[in-house]
Amino acid sequence: MEASLSSIVRFCDTYVNREAITDYPAAHNGLQFENSGKLGRIGAAVDASLESIRAAAKEEVDLLLVHHGLFWAPPAPVTGSRFQKYRLLLEQDIAVYSSHLPLDAHPEIGNNASIAARLGRKVSSWDYPYEGHLHPIAAVVDWEASRTELEEKLRALFPQTLGLSFGPESLDRLVISSGGGGGAIPSLRKKGYHTLITGEGQQHHYALAQEEGLNVYFCGHYATEIFGVQNLAQRAAEEFGLSYTFLPTSCPL
């Protein structure tokens, strides 16, 4: 069974509430690269990297759904790896659809909600303000258990977890902000929180966590953002009777 590109793009735009969620200007959420318009197989990947595109071509994917799209920097010459990406997309007739913050914020299939679910919890609220975004992105989760239990569950889910355990051992709630959510650390305590689960941070976040008495867990930017694209690909495939596949990469960060 095949579906048109335009129909799947409309479905994805509506499902992730694309137009309602303000993102970074360079994100360019939505359809980023067209194909001939016909689709039979959907692929999901965190990044629109050359590695992911090569995997999509090998798996005969017609539409690649990604979290980090093709365009994050100012316009540049189409040479080197950029040229290789575009050439391969054209030669293999692969379309690319990107959804960044909408897939972090989605209350059902998003990265943050998915992490909460895999920790055995539901999101209790989306009212944590982060980096001035109008739409709530970070998830607040009730956690009436110990820090030790949280750490055990995190390391089972994300084996590479790096923990800064400077906060209380007895927890009541925590914030989840996948990917590069370390920017929440400086204001975490001021907003009444002491525990954060995120993907990556910066060197100075160690001192901040120590001085503010925070529990901060860096679980990997890539690892914390593998869920949303898989969920979206599955929903779209089910809606249109298509097949789908996840295209993991070797990214350890």
Protein backbone atom coordinates (compact mmCIF):
# COMPACT_ATOMS: atom_id res chain seq x y z
CA MET A 1 0.00 0.00 0.00
CA GLU A 2 1.22 3.50 -0.80
CA ALA A 3 0.25 6.94 0.47
CA SER A 4 0.96 10.41 -0.82
CA LEU A 5 3.67 12.52 0.74
CA SER A 6 1.30 15.44 1.18
CA SER A 7 -1.21 13.37 3.15
CA ILE A 8 1.43 12.06 5.58
CA VAL A 9 2.92 15.54 6.03
CA ARG A 10 -0.53 16.87 6.95
CA PHE A 11 -1.00 14.01 9.39
CA CYS A 12 2.37 14.61 11.08
CA ASP A 13 1.90 18.38 11.21
CA THR A 14 -1.43 17.93 12.96
CA TYR A 15 -0.33 15.12 15.25
CA VAL A 16 2.69 16.97 16.66
CA ASN A 17 0.89 20.33 16.69
CA ARG A 18 3.71 21.79 14.64
CA GLU A 19 2.40 25.31 14.05
CA ALA A 20 1.52 25.91 17.71
CA ILE A 21 4.98 25.23 19.12
CA THR A 22 7.67 27.86 18.80
CA ASP A 23 11.06 26.37 18.02
CA TYR A 24 14.55 27.66 17.34
CA PRO A 25 14.57 29.53 14.00
CA ALA A 26 17.04 27.10 12.46
CA ALA A 27 14.91 24.04 13.22
CA HIS A 28 12.61 24.39 10.17
CA ASN A 29 10.11 21.85 11.44
CA GLY A 30 7.98 20.06 8.87
CA LEU A 31 8.77 18.79 5.39
CA GLN A 32 12.39 19.65 4.62
CA PHE A 33 13.06 17.61 1.50
CA GLU A 34 10.51 16.42 -1.03
CA ASN A 35 10.47 13.23 -3.03
CA SER A 36 8.31 12.27 -6.01
CA GLY A 37 5.28 12.10 -3.72
CA LYS A 38 4.68 8.38 -3.35
CA LEU A 39 5.50 6.49 -0.16
CA GLY A 40 5.66 2.86 0.85
CA ARG A 41 8.05 2.71 3.80
CA ILE A 42 8.81 5.14 6.64
CA GLY A 43 12.12 5.38 8.48
CA ALA A 44 12.81 7.08 11.81
CA ALA A 45 16.16 8.52 12.91
CA VAL A 46 17.30 11.03 15.50
CA ASP A 47 19.50 12.95 13.05
CA ALA A 48 19.36 13.69 9.33
CA SER A 49 23.00 12.70 9.15
CA LEU A 50 24.77 11.06 6.26
CA GLU A 51 24.87 7.84 8.29
CA SER A 52 21.09 7.92 8.76
CA ILE A 53 20.41 8.75 5.12
CA ARG A 54 22.64 5.91 3.95
CA ALA A 55 20.76 3.55 6.26
CA ALA A 56 17.45 4.86 4.90
CA ALA A 57 18.60 4.16 1.34
CA LYS A 58 19.72 0.65 2.29
CA GLU A 59 16.35 -0.06 3.93
CA GLU A 60 14.48 1.37 0.91
CA VAL A 61 12.83 4.08 2.99
CA ASP A 62 10.75 6.66 1.13
CA LEU A 63 10.19 9.10 4.02
CA LEU A 64 12.72 9.74 6.76
CA LEU A 65 11.27 11.21 9.98
CA VAL A 66 13.95 12.88 12.11
CA HIS A 67 14.29 14.94 15.28
CA HIS A 68 17.29 17.00 14.16
CA GLY A 69 16.78 18.05 10.57
CA LEU A 70 18.98 19.00 7.65
CA PHE A 71 19.23 22.71 8.45
CA TRP A 72 20.79 24.00 11.69
CA ALA A 73 23.36 26.45 10.40
CA PRO A 74 23.23 29.51 8.11
CA PRO A 75 23.08 28.78 4.36
CA ALA A 76 26.31 27.25 3.14
CA PRO A 77 27.70 25.85 -0.14
CA VAL A 78 26.33 22.45 -1.07
CA THR A 79 29.66 20.65 -1.03
CA GLY A 80 31.28 17.76 0.81
CA SER A 81 28.99 15.76 3.09
CA ARG A 82 26.12 18.22 2.49
CA PHE A 83 26.27 17.47 -1.24
CA GLN A 84 26.46 13.73 -0.52
CA LYS A 85 23.30 13.94 1.58
CA TYR A 86 21.31 15.82 -1.04
CA ARG A 87 22.54 13.64 -3.89
CA LEU A 88 21.62 10.45 -2.04
CA LEU A 89 18.18 11.79 -1.11
CA LEU A 90 17.52 12.68 -4.73
CA GLU A 91 18.92 9.47 -6.18
CA GLN A 92 16.94 7.30 -3.77
CA ASP A 93 13.81 9.48 -3.89
CA ILE A 94 13.74 9.95 -0.10
CA ALA A 95 11.76 12.73 1.57
CA VAL A 96 12.78 14.18 4.96
CA TYR A 97 10.40 15.43 7.64
CA SER A 98 11.76 16.99 10.82
CA SER A 99 10.11 17.59 14.18
CA HIS A 100 12.27 19.06 16.94
CA LEU A 101 10.66 20.68 20.00
CA PRO A 102 7.17 19.44 19.05
CA LEU A 103 8.51 15.91 19.60
CA ASP A 104 10.01 16.83 22.96
CA ALA A 105 6.78 18.42 24.13
CA HIS A 106 4.18 15.97 22.85
CA PRO A 107 2.17 14.69 25.84
CA GLU A 108 1.70 11.18 24.39
CA ILE A 109 4.52 10.24 22.02
CA GLY A 110 7.14 12.87 22.89
CA ASN A 111 10.62 12.21 24.23
CA ASN A 112 9.96 13.56 27.71
CA ALA A 113 6.65 11.74 28.15
CA SER A 114 8.28 8.55 26.84
CA ILE A 115 11.12 8.77 29.35
CA ALA A 116 8.61 9.25 32.16
CA ALA A 117 6.65 6.21 30.99
CA ARG A 118 9.78 4.07 30.86
CA LEU A 119 10.54 5.10 34.43
CA GLY A 120 7.08 3.87 35.39
CA ARG A 121 5.55 7.31 35.86
CA LYS A 122 3.11 9.66 34.15
CA VAL A 123 3.74 13.35 33.54
CA SER A 124 1.96 15.32 36.26
CA SER A 125 2.31 18.74 34.61
CA TRP A 126 3.93 20.63 31.75
CA ASP A 127 4.19 23.94 33.56
CA TYR A 128 7.97 24.12 33.93
CA PRO A 129 9.11 27.24 32.02
CA TYR A 130 12.25 26.66 29.98
CA GLU A 131 14.33 29.06 27.87
CA GLY A 132 11.43 31.38 27.21
CA HIS A 133 9.45 28.99 25.02
CA LEU A 134 5.77 29.85 25.02
CA HIS A 135 4.70 26.22 24.82
CA PRO A 136 5.67 23.97 27.77
CA ILE A 137 8.35 21.49 26.78
CA ALA A 138 9.92 20.04 29.94
CA ALA A 139 7.87 17.50 31.88
CA VAL A 140 7.29 17.50 35.63
CA VAL A 141 6.94 14.03 37.17
CA ASP A 142 5.92 13.08 40.71
CA TRP A 143 8.57 10.81 42.21
CA GLU A 144 7.74 9.84 45.76
CA ALA A 145 10.68 7.50 46.10
CA SER A 146 14.38 7.55 46.76
CA ARG A 147 17.14 9.00 44.62
CA THR A 148 18.77 5.56 44.67
CA GLU A 149 15.71 3.98 43.03
CA LEU A 150 15.71 6.69 40.37
CA GLU A 151 19.39 6.14 39.65
CA GLU A 152 18.89 2.39 39.28
CA LYS A 153 16.03 2.86 36.83
CA LEU A 154 17.93 5.48 34.84
CA ARG A 155 21.01 3.33 34.47
CA ALA A 156 18.87 0.40 33.35
CA LEU A 157 17.29 2.61 30.69
CA PHE A 158 20.39 4.66 29.84
CA PRO A 159 23.53 2.69 30.79
CA GLN A 160 25.82 5.66 30.08
CA THR A 161 24.07 7.92 32.62
CA LEU A 162 26.35 10.39 34.39
CA GLY A 163 24.88 11.45 37.71
CA LEU A 164 25.63 14.50 39.83
CA SER A 165 24.04 13.47 43.13
CA PHE A 166 24.29 16.64 45.20
CA GLY A 167 20.59 16.93 46.06
CA PRO A 168 18.32 15.16 48.53
CA GLU A 169 18.08 11.38 48.74
CA SER A 170 14.33 11.49 49.30
CA LEU A 171 12.53 12.85 46.23
CA ASP A 172 9.02 14.11 45.60
CA ARG A 173 9.16 15.32 42.00
CA LEU A 174 11.59 15.86 39.16
CA VAL A 175 11.94 17.57 35.78
CA ILE A 176 12.64 15.76 32.50
CA SER A 177 14.07 17.74 29.59
CA SER A 178 15.54 15.53 26.88
CA GLY A 179 18.48 16.39 24.65
CA GLY A 180 20.31 19.59 25.46
CA GLY A 181 18.20 20.45 28.50
CA GLY A 182 21.13 21.36 30.71
CA GLY A 183 20.16 24.99 30.32
CA ALA A 184 17.50 24.38 32.96
CA ILE A 185 20.10 23.82 35.69
CA PRO A 186 20.82 27.47 36.66
CA SER A 187 17.16 28.18 37.44
CA LEU A 188 16.11 24.76 38.72
CA ARG A 189 16.32 25.51 42.44
CA LYS A 190 14.76 28.96 42.04
CA LYS A 191 11.69 27.34 40.52
CA GLY A 192 11.34 24.90 43.37
CA TYR A 193 12.96 21.79 41.88
CA HIS A 194 16.06 19.88 42.84
CA THR A 195 16.24 16.96 40.38
CA LEU A 196 16.68 17.05 36.59
CA ILE A 197 16.94 14.32 33.97
CA THR A 198 18.38 15.54 30.69
CA GLY A 199 20.61 14.51 27.82
CA GLU A 200 23.73 16.63 28.04
CA GLY A 201 25.19 19.59 29.86
CA GLN A 202 28.30 21.73 30.05
CA GLN A 203 31.37 21.67 32.28
CA HIS A 204 30.21 24.51 34.52
CA HIS A 205 27.01 22.63 35.34
CA TYR A 206 29.01 20.46 37.75
CA ALA A 207 29.78 23.40 40.02
CA LEU A 208 26.23 24.73 39.70
CA ALA A 209 24.73 21.41 40.73
CA GLN A 210 27.15 21.11 43.62
CA GLU A 211 26.61 24.64 44.88
CA GLU A 212 22.83 24.54 44.50
CA GLY A 213 22.43 21.06 45.99
CA LEU A 214 20.91 19.46 42.89
CA ASN A 215 20.55 15.97 41.50
CA VAL A 216 21.29 16.13 37.77
CA TYR A 217 21.44 13.14 35.45
CA PHE A 218 22.99 13.39 31.99
CA CYS A 219 21.71 10.39 30.04
CA GLY A 220 22.95 11.25 26.54
CA HIS A 221 21.52 13.71 24.04
CA TYR A 222 21.02 11.04 21.41
CA ALA A 223 19.78 8.35 23.82
CA THR A 224 17.09 10.57 25.34
CA GLU A 225 15.70 11.49 21.92
CA ILE A 226 15.23 8.14 20.22
CA PHE A 227 11.62 7.75 21.36
CA GLY A 228 9.62 10.52 19.69
CA VAL A 229 10.61 9.78 16.09
CA GLN A 230 9.93 6.08 16.54
CA ASN A 231 6.51 6.78 17.99
CA LEU A 232 5.62 9.24 15.24
CA ALA A 233 6.78 6.83 12.54
CA GLN A 234 4.68 4.07 14.08
CA ARG A 235 1.57 6.28 14.28
CA ALA A 236 1.96 7.45 10.67
CA ALA A 237 2.60 3.92 9.43
CA GLU A 238 -0.49 2.61 11.21
CA GLU A 239 -2.62 5.48 9.92
CA PHE A 240 -1.69 4.85 6.29
CA GLY A 241 -1.07 1.11 6.32
CA LEU A 242 2.66 1.41 5.68
CA SER A 243 5.72 -0.30 7.09
CA TYR A 244 8.29 1.53 9.20
CA THR A 245 11.72 0.98 10.69
CA PHE A 246 14.00 2.67 13.20
CA LEU A 247 17.46 3.55 11.93
CA PRO A 248 19.82 3.73 14.91
CA THR A 249 23.30 5.19 14.60
CA SER A 250 26.50 4.72 16.55
CA CYS A 251 26.28 8.14 18.24
CA PRO A 252 27.51 7.80 21.87
CA LEU A 253 26.83 11.42 22.89
